[in-house]
C-alpha cells in the first residue's frame, strides 16, 4: 500500500513538473514546496497563478488566508493549500 505522503509527492511532482523524492516527510515536502513557491513569486508569478488555477486552489480561500495571517509565510500558506488539493 502506497503511503499518503508518497502519493501526495507524486501528485505534486506531476502537477508542478517537479522531481521531489517520494521518500521525504510531510515537513520536508512543505519546506521544499514553499521554497519553490517563493521562487515563482519572485521570478515567474504568472506561472504560479497558472499552476494554482490548474490544480484548482481556491482564489477566495487563498486571499482570505493571506489576509487573516499577514505575519505567516505566504509560500507556506500556498504550499499547504497545494498539499491539501493533492
Protein backbone atom coordinates (compact mmCIF):
# COMPACT_ATOMS: atom_id res chain seq x y z
CA UNK A 1 0.00 0.00 0.00
CA UNK A 2 1.37 3.41 -1.02
CA UNK A 3 1.91 5.91 1.80
CA UNK A 4 -0.20 9.09 1.74
CA UNK A 5 2.92 11.29 1.61
CA UNK A 6 4.32 9.34 -1.34
CA UNK A 7 1.03 9.75 -3.17
CA UNK A 8 0.91 13.49 -2.41
CA UNK A 9 4.52 13.96 -3.57
CA UNK A 10 3.76 12.07 -6.79
CA UNK A 11 0.75 14.30 -7.44
CA UNK A 12 2.70 17.47 -6.74
CA UNK A 13 5.60 16.33 -8.92
CA UNK A 14 3.18 15.69 -11.77
CA UNK A 15 1.11 18.87 -11.33
CA UNK A 16 4.06 21.22 -10.86
CA UNK A 17 6.56 19.39 -13.07
CA UNK A 18 8.94 18.88 -10.15
CA UNK A 19 11.14 16.00 -9.07
CA UNK A 20 10.87 15.82 -5.29
CA UNK A 21 11.91 12.46 -3.83
CA UNK A 22 8.86 10.44 -2.87
CA UNK A 23 10.56 9.26 0.33
CA UNK A 24 10.53 12.69 2.03
CA UNK A 25 8.48 13.60 5.10
CA UNK A 26 5.50 15.92 5.01
CA UNK A 27 7.56 18.67 6.71
CA UNK A 28 10.31 18.32 4.10
CA UNK A 29 7.71 18.43 1.34
CA UNK A 30 6.17 21.58 2.78
CA UNK A 31 9.58 23.28 3.06
CA UNK A 32 10.70 22.29 -0.46
CA UNK A 33 7.38 23.29 -1.97
CA UNK A 34 7.40 26.59 -0.08
CA UNK A 35 10.87 27.36 -1.46
CA UNK A 36 9.70 26.58 -4.99
CA UNK A 37 6.68 28.85 -4.50
CA UNK A 38 8.91 31.69 -3.28
CA UNK A 39 11.00 31.29 -6.42
CA UNK A 40 7.85 31.54 -8.54
CA UNK A 41 6.58 34.56 -6.59
CA UNK A 42 9.85 36.36 -7.22
CA UNK A 43 10.63 35.21 -10.77
CA UNK A 44 7.51 33.95 -12.52
CA UNK A 45 4.33 35.00 -10.74
CA UNK A 46 2.19 34.31 -13.80
CA UNK A 47 3.32 30.68 -13.79
CA UNK A 48 2.38 30.39 -10.11
CA UNK A 49 -1.08 31.79 -10.82
CA UNK A 50 -1.45 29.37 -13.73
CA UNK A 51 -0.43 26.40 -11.55
CA UNK A 52 -2.84 27.38 -8.78
CA UNK A 53 -5.65 27.71 -11.31
CA UNK A 54 -4.80 24.40 -12.98
CA UNK A 55 -4.81 22.44 -9.73
CA UNK A 56 -7.93 24.29 -8.59
CA UNK A 57 -6.67 26.10 -5.49
CA UNK A 58 -9.46 28.43 -4.39
CA UNK A 59 -8.50 32.04 -5.01
CA UNK A 60 -11.06 33.17 -2.43
CA UNK A 61 -9.63 30.81 0.20
CA UNK A 62 -6.06 31.85 -0.63
CA UNK A 63 -6.85 35.57 -0.39
CA UNK A 64 -8.67 35.04 2.91
CA UNK A 65 -5.81 33.02 4.42
CA UNK A 66 -3.24 35.61 3.33
CA UNK A 67 -5.40 38.42 4.71
CA UNK A 68 -6.08 36.64 8.03
CA UNK A 69 -2.42 35.64 8.51
CA UNK A 70 -0.28 38.61 7.44
CA UNK A 71 2.64 37.51 9.62
CA UNK A 72 2.70 33.99 8.14
CA UNK A 73 4.99 32.97 5.29
CA UNK A 74 2.91 33.23 2.07
CA UNK A 75 4.90 30.40 0.49
CA UNK A 76 3.97 28.04 3.31
CA UNK A 77 0.30 29.07 3.16
CA UNK A 78 0.25 28.36 -0.57
CA UNK A 79 2.20 25.12 -0.10
CA UNK A 80 -0.37 23.93 2.44
CA UNK A 81 -3.21 24.69 0.03
CA UNK A 82 -1.45 22.77 -2.77
CA UNK A 83 -0.82 19.81 -0.47
CA UNK A 84 -4.47 19.85 0.59
CA UNK A 85 -5.55 19.74 -3.06
CA UNK A 86 -3.43 16.66 -3.70
